[in-house]
């Protein structure tokens, strides 16, 4: 949950609105520089922590 708030805080404070990103109308936000690297790093850490649930808790915990 902390990583979600970290990503949201970085995006809210350093991101800005765009009409489109590289011609893609579906993407309407942009973030660059060190804050963007922070978002990427936080995302990787979140995925790594989430991936551990396959090992530690097993899929039966997800079904429950």
C-alpha atoms as a PDB file:
ATOM      1  CA  UNK A   1       0.000   0.000   0.000  1.00  0.00           C
ATOM      2  CA  UNK A   2       2.896   2.349   0.752  1.00  0.00           C
ATOM      3  CA  UNK A   3       4.216   1.883  -2.772  1.00  0.00           C
ATOM      4  CA  UNK A   4       0.831   2.800  -4.237  1.00  0.00           C
ATOM      5  CA  UNK A   5       0.842   6.051  -2.287  1.00  0.00           C
ATOM      6  CA  UNK A   6       4.454   6.725  -3.289  1.00  0.00           C
ATOM      7  CA  UNK A   7       3.602   6.358  -6.975  1.00  0.00           C
ATOM      8  CA  UNK A   8       0.464   8.469  -6.575  1.00  0.00           C
ATOM      9  CA  UNK A   9       2.346  11.207  -4.727  1.00  0.00           C
ATOM     10  CA  UNK A  10       5.126  11.375  -7.299  1.00  0.00           C
ATOM     11  CA  UNK A  11       2.660  11.435 -10.152  1.00  0.00           C
ATOM     12  CA  UNK A  12       0.450  14.072  -8.524  1.00  0.00           C
ATOM     13  CA  UNK A  13       3.291  16.393  -7.597  1.00  0.00           C
ATOM     14  CA  UNK A  14       5.560  16.032 -10.644  1.00  0.00           C
ATOM     15  CA  UNK A  15       3.313  14.835 -13.471  1.00  0.00           C
ATOM     16  CA  UNK A  16       1.431  17.107 -15.816  1.00  0.00           C
ATOM     17  CA  UNK A  17      -1.501  16.831 -18.204  1.00  0.00           C
ATOM     18  CA  UNK A  18      -0.924  16.212 -21.903  1.00  0.00           C
ATOM     19  CA  UNK A  19      -3.498  15.975 -24.705  1.00  0.00           C
ATOM     20  CA  UNK A  20      -1.578  13.004 -26.062  1.00  0.00           C
ATOM     21  CA  UNK A  21       1.768  11.297 -25.563  1.00  0.00           C
ATOM     22  CA  UNK A  22       3.678  10.371 -28.728  1.00  0.00           C
ATOM     23  CA  UNK A  23       0.488  10.465 -30.778  1.00  0.00           C
ATOM     24  CA  UNK A  24      -1.434   8.186 -28.404  1.00  0.00           C
ATOM     25  CA  UNK A  25      -4.691   9.826 -27.264  1.00  0.00           C
ATOM     26  CA  UNK A  26      -5.177   7.216 -24.519  1.00  0.00           C
ATOM     27  CA  UNK A  27      -2.163   8.501 -22.583  1.00  0.00           C
ATOM     28  CA  UNK A  28      -2.946  11.870 -21.070  1.00  0.00           C
ATOM     29  CA  UNK A  29      -0.278  12.312 -18.431  1.00  0.00           C
ATOM     30  CA  UNK A  30       3.466  12.765 -18.507  1.00  0.00           C
ATOM     31  CA  UNK A  31       6.247  12.647 -15.937  1.00  0.00           C
ATOM     32  CA  UNK A  32       9.980  12.995 -16.582  1.00  0.00           C
ATOM     33  CA  UNK A  33      13.337  13.079 -14.843  1.00  0.00           C
ATOM     34  CA  UNK A  34      14.117  11.723 -11.404  1.00  0.00           C
ATOM     35  CA  UNK A  35      10.437  11.469 -10.336  1.00  0.00           C
ATOM     36  CA  UNK A  36       9.772   9.216 -13.339  1.00  0.00           C
ATOM     37  CA  UNK A  37      12.620   6.958 -12.251  1.00  0.00           C
ATOM     38  CA  UNK A  38      11.087   6.891  -8.761  1.00  0.00           C
ATOM     39  CA  UNK A  39       7.765   5.763 -10.224  1.00  0.00           C
ATOM     40  CA  UNK A  40       9.500   3.022 -12.213  1.00  0.00           C
ATOM     41  CA  UNK A  41      11.541   1.867  -9.210  1.00  0.00           C
ATOM     42  CA  UNK A  42       8.466   1.802  -6.955  1.00  0.00           C
ATOM     43  CA  UNK A  43       6.587  -0.196  -9.593  1.00  0.00           C
ATOM     44  CA  UNK A  44       9.388  -2.767  -9.822  1.00  0.00           C
ATOM     45  CA  UNK A  45       9.515  -3.116  -6.033  1.00  0.00           C
ATOM     46  CA  UNK A  46       5.736  -3.568  -5.918  1.00  0.00           C
ATOM     47  CA  UNK A  47       5.834  -6.283  -8.592  1.00  0.00           C
ATOM     48  CA  UNK A  48       8.684  -8.051  -6.782  1.00  0.00           C
ATOM     49  CA  UNK A  49       6.777  -8.007  -3.478  1.00  0.00           C
ATOM     50  CA  UNK A  50       3.600  -9.200  -5.192  1.00  0.00           C
ATOM     51  CA  UNK A  51       5.515 -11.998  -6.904  1.00  0.00           C
ATOM     52  CA  UNK A  52       6.604 -13.365  -3.528  1.00  0.00           C
ATOM     53  CA  UNK A  53       3.000 -14.291  -2.787  1.00  0.00           C
ATOM     54  CA  UNK A  54       3.394 -17.110  -5.310  1.00  0.00           C
ATOM     55  CA  UNK A  55       6.146 -18.581  -3.165  1.00  0.00           C
ATOM     56  CA  UNK A  56       5.131 -17.704   0.390  1.00  0.00           C
ATOM     57  CA  UNK A  57       1.374 -17.963   0.448  1.00  0.00           C
ATOM     58  CA  UNK A  58       0.653 -20.092  -2.614  1.00  0.00           C
ATOM     59  CA  UNK A  59      -2.323 -19.563  -4.921  1.00  0.00           C
ATOM     60  CA  UNK A  60      -4.696 -21.138  -2.377  1.00  0.00           C
ATOM     61  CA  UNK A  61      -4.444 -17.942  -0.328  1.00  0.00           C
ATOM     62  CA  UNK A  62      -5.641 -15.986  -3.362  1.00  0.00           C
ATOM     63  CA  UNK A  63      -8.601 -18.299  -3.850  1.00  0.00           C
ATOM     64  CA  UNK A  64      -9.624 -17.892  -0.233  1.00  0.00           C
END
